[in-house]
Protein backbone atom coordinates (compact mmCIF):
# COMPACT_ATOMS: atom_id res chain seq x y z
CA UNK A 1 0.00 0.00 0.00
CA UNK A 2 1.13 3.56 -0.65
CA UNK A 3 1.11 5.62 2.54
CA UNK A 4 1.94 9.32 2.76
CA UNK A 5 3.00 10.50 6.21
CA UNK A 6 3.02 14.17 7.19
CA UNK A 7 5.12 15.06 10.22
CA UNK A 8 7.38 12.10 9.56
CA UNK A 9 10.26 13.42 11.68
CA UNK A 10 8.22 13.90 14.85
CA UNK A 11 8.06 11.49 17.77
CA UNK A 12 4.86 9.79 16.63
CA UNK A 13 5.41 10.28 12.90
CA UNK A 14 8.87 8.69 12.86
CA UNK A 15 7.53 5.59 14.58
CA UNK A 16 4.63 5.36 12.15
CA UNK A 17 7.12 5.53 9.27
CA UNK A 18 9.17 2.71 10.81
CA UNK A 19 6.12 0.53 11.44
CA UNK A 20 4.76 1.07 7.91
CA UNK A 21 8.12 0.16 6.33
CA UNK A 22 8.41 -2.85 8.64
CA UNK A 23 5.13 -4.13 7.20
CA UNK A 24 6.27 -3.73 3.61
CA UNK A 25 4.36 -0.60 2.64
CA UNK A 26 5.72 2.08 0.34
CA UNK A 27 6.03 5.27 2.36
CA UNK A 28 6.20 8.87 1.21
CA UNK A 29 7.48 11.05 4.05
CA UNK A 30 6.55 14.73 3.76
CA UNK A 31 8.86 16.95 5.77
CA UNK A 32 9.85 20.59 5.94
CA UNK A 33 12.96 21.58 4.00
CA UNK A 34 14.95 22.11 7.19
CA UNK A 35 14.05 18.61 8.41
CA UNK A 36 15.07 16.58 5.37
CA UNK A 37 18.41 15.63 6.89
CA UNK A 38 16.60 14.09 9.87
CA UNK A 39 15.10 11.33 7.71
CA UNK A 40 17.26 8.27 7.14
CA UNK A 41 17.20 6.89 3.60
CA UNK A 42 15.60 3.43 3.57
CA UNK A 43 14.20 1.08 0.93
CA UNK A 44 10.59 1.87 -0.05
CA UNK A 45 10.87 5.34 1.52
CA UNK A 46 10.51 8.48 -0.59
CA UNK A 47 11.23 11.84 1.01
CA UNK A 48 9.30 14.87 -0.19
CA UNK A 49 9.42 18.48 0.96
CA UNK A 50 6.09 20.06 1.81
CA UNK A 51 4.31 22.51 4.07
CA UNK A 52 1.00 21.47 5.60
CA UNK A 53 -0.16 25.09 5.45
CA UNK A 54 0.27 25.10 1.65
CA UNK A 55 -2.65 23.02 0.38
CA UNK A 56 -1.72 23.20 -3.30
CA UNK A 57 1.91 22.31 -2.69
CA UNK A 58 0.94 19.54 -0.27
CA UNK A 59 -1.45 17.97 -2.77
CA UNK A 60 1.30 17.91 -5.40
CA UNK A 61 3.51 15.62 -3.27
CA UNK A 62 0.75 13.29 -2.03
CA UNK A 63 0.25 9.86 -3.56
CA UNK A 64 -3.02 10.05 -5.53
CA UNK A 65 -5.50 7.44 -4.39
CA UNK A 66 -3.36 6.38 -1.44
CA UNK A 67 -3.65 6.73 2.30
CA UNK A 68 -2.46 9.86 4.12
CA UNK A 69 -1.43 9.94 7.78
CA UNK A 70 -1.12 13.33 9.47
CA UNK A 71 1.13 13.30 12.52
CA UNK A 72 1.47 17.07 12.38
CA UNK A 73 1.74 18.92 15.66
CA UNK A 74 2.48 22.63 15.97
CA UNK A 75 4.85 24.03 18.61
CA UNK A 76 3.17 24.60 21.97
CA UNK A 77 3.29 28.37 21.47
CA UNK A 78 1.70 28.17 18.01
CA UNK A 79 -1.36 26.03 18.63
CA UNK A 80 -3.48 28.31 16.47
CA UNK A 81 -1.74 26.76 13.46
CA UNK A 82 -3.44 23.42 14.05
CA UNK A 83 -6.84 24.55 12.77
CA UNK A 84 -5.33 26.24 9.72
CA UNK A 85 -3.23 23.16 9.06
CA UNK A 86 -6.29 20.92 9.25
CA UNK A 87 -8.21 23.05 6.75
CA UNK A 88 -5.24 22.96 4.40
CA UNK A 89 -4.84 19.20 4.90
CA UNK A 90 -8.48 18.51 4.03
CA UNK A 91 -8.25 20.66 0.90
CA UNK A 92 -5.04 18.93 -0.18
CA UNK A 93 -6.48 15.45 0.34
CA UNK A 94 -9.50 16.31 -1.80
CA UNK A 95 -7.34 17.80 -4.54
CA UNK A 96 -5.11 14.71 -4.58
CA UNK A 97 -8.14 12.38 -4.47
CA UNK A 98 -6.77 10.65 -1.40
CA UNK A 99 -8.53 7.39 -0.57
CA UNK A 100 -8.21 7.67 3.20
CA UNK A 101 -7.00 10.13 5.85
CA UNK A 102 -5.77 9.09 9.30
CA UNK A 103 -5.17 11.85 11.85
CA UNK A 104 -2.96 11.42 14.91
CA UNK A 105 -5.11 13.17 17.50
CA UNK A 106 -5.02 14.15 21.15
CA UNK A 107 -6.35 12.56 24.32
CA UNK A 108 -7.88 15.71 25.82
CA UNK A 109 -11.24 15.29 24.09
CA UNK A 110 -11.74 11.77 25.45
CA UNK A 111 -14.47 11.42 28.07
CA UNK A 112 -13.68 10.42 31.65
CA UNK A 113 -17.41 10.13 32.43
CA UNK A 114 -20.63 10.65 30.49
CA UNK A 115 -20.28 14.44 30.44
CA UNK A 116 -16.67 15.40 31.17
CA UNK A 117 -13.75 15.40 28.77
CA UNK A 118 -10.22 14.87 30.06
CA UNK A 119 -9.14 18.42 29.15
CA UNK A 120 -11.89 19.82 31.39
CA UNK A 121 -10.89 17.89 34.52
CA UNK A 122 -9.47 19.93 37.44
CA UNK A 123 -6.01 18.35 37.39
CA UNK A 124 -5.38 18.58 33.66
CA UNK A 125 -1.92 20.18 33.19
CA UNK A 126 -2.27 23.87 32.37
CA UNK A 127 0.85 23.85 30.20
CA UNK A 128 -0.64 21.49 27.62
CA UNK A 129 -4.27 22.61 27.85
CA UNK A 130 -4.09 24.98 24.84
CA UNK A 131 -2.75 22.16 22.66
CA UNK A 132 -5.40 19.76 23.92
CA UNK A 133 -8.17 22.24 23.21
CA UNK A 134 -6.80 22.85 19.71
CA UNK A 135 -6.89 19.11 19.04
CA UNK A 136 -10.47 19.02 20.32
CA UNK A 137 -11.43 21.78 17.88
CA UNK A 138 -9.73 19.85 15.09
CA UNK A 139 -11.84 16.80 15.86
CA UNK A 140 -14.97 18.97 15.72
CA UNK A 141 -13.88 20.18 12.29
CA UNK A 142 -13.37 16.63 11.05
CA UNK A 143 -16.80 15.61 12.27
CA UNK A 144 -18.25 18.16 9.84
CA UNK A 145 -16.30 16.64 6.93
CA UNK A 146 -18.53 14.28 4.95
CA UNK A 147 -16.58 13.96 1.71
CA UNK A 148 -13.33 12.38 2.85
CA UNK A 149 -12.96 8.96 4.46
CA UNK A 150 -11.21 9.99 7.69
CA UNK A 151 -10.34 8.37 11.01
CA UNK A 152 -9.10 10.26 14.07
CA UNK A 153 -7.01 8.18 16.49
CA UNK A 154 -6.58 9.49 20.03
CA UNK A 155 -3.80 8.05 22.18
CA UNK A 156 -4.24 7.51 25.89
CA UNK A 157 -3.39 10.23 28.41
CA UNK A 158 0.27 9.25 28.77
CA UNK A 159 1.73 9.05 25.28
CA UNK A 160 5.47 8.84 24.75
CA UNK A 161 8.38 6.76 23.44
CA UNK A 162 8.49 3.27 24.90
CA UNK A 163 8.36 -0.42 24.13
CA UNK A 164 6.87 -2.09 21.07
CA UNK A 165 4.82 -4.87 22.67
CA UNK A 166 2.16 -5.39 20.02
CA UNK A 167 -0.50 -5.38 22.74
CA UNK A 168 -3.17 -2.68 22.98
CA UNK A 169 -6.89 -2.10 23.45
CA UNK A 170 -9.23 -0.08 21.26
CA UNK A 171 -12.02 2.21 22.37
CA UNK A 172 -14.20 4.97 20.96
CA UNK A 173 -14.73 8.20 22.93
CA UNK A 174 -13.98 7.09 26.49
CA UNK A 175 -10.50 7.38 28.03
CA UNK A 176 -8.99 3.90 28.38
CA UNK A 177 -7.46 3.02 31.75
CA UNK A 178 -5.82 -0.17 33.03
CA UNK A 179 -6.68 -2.08 36.21
CA UNK A 180 -4.58 0.36 38.24
CA UNK A 181 -6.31 3.41 36.81
CA UNK A 182 -3.43 4.39 34.52
CA UNK A 183 -4.04 5.60 30.96
CA UNK A 184 -1.10 5.11 28.64
CA UNK A 185 0.18 3.86 25.30
CA UNK A 186 3.69 3.86 23.88
CA UNK A 187 4.24 5.59 20.56
CA UNK A 188 5.50 2.27 19.22
CA UNK A 189 2.28 0.42 20.08
CA UNK A 190 0.21 3.39 18.90
CA UNK A 191 1.93 3.03 15.52
CA UNK A 192 0.98 -0.65 15.47
CA UNK A 193 -2.65 0.20 16.18
CA UNK A 194 -2.68 2.88 13.49
CA UNK A 195 -1.24 0.54 10.84
CA UNK A 196 -3.69 -2.18 11.90
CA UNK A 197 -6.54 0.26 11.21
CA UNK A 198 -5.08 1.16 7.81
CA UNK A 199 -4.68 -2.48 6.80
CA UNK A 200 -7.99 -3.68 8.24
CA UNK A 201 -10.33 -0.67 8.36
CA UNK A 202 -12.99 -0.85 11.05
CA UNK A 203 -14.23 2.73 11.31
CA UNK A 204 -14.92 5.58 8.90
CA UNK A 205 -15.60 9.24 9.70
CA UNK A 206 -15.20 8.58 13.41
CA UNK A 207 -12.74 8.73 16.29
CA UNK A 208 -11.16 5.76 18.02
CA UNK A 209 -8.69 5.61 20.89
CA UNK A 210 -5.99 3.10 21.78
CA UNK A 211 -4.33 2.27 25.08
CA UNK A 212 -3.30 -0.48 27.45
């Protein structure tokens, strides 16, 4: 399968690239010009330069008819770019006639009970709240998109580099927690879950979450 990955040099994006190549897919990594030297040349990997805020330019380097994964994340002090980037991404995918769009989302919009989202809980870290709220707004935007076949994948609350175990659980809109009340997923296992969804699609135009 041909998979285009935006944000391929980031923490999540780089692991998604590795997992996709490991499974034998052909990967097109779209990176900023200044990040090209961060991508290691590997078989079945094509490196393209693109800017997610430039819809026309982005469409020109996408694989027509393929699958696009967006692992884009703006700097913490530029969260306003996320909404603009999402609008540009949707326009580019339509122009390139992309078959499917997978968005690496945030955990803040997951529900901890029937009415409360994680980002609205009293102990949610103030430093990352603007980013979490921007991701929540992005999900709202996607839910209004009825032309593209999209899937939004939220990680669990604790999301960072770790071990590739191949074990994870799937959910929908509720925050996943383990028997000890912890909510976590390694970026490596998140990448596995994302590629599993690409290879064996189970949801369309909806959000899922993955965790232990």
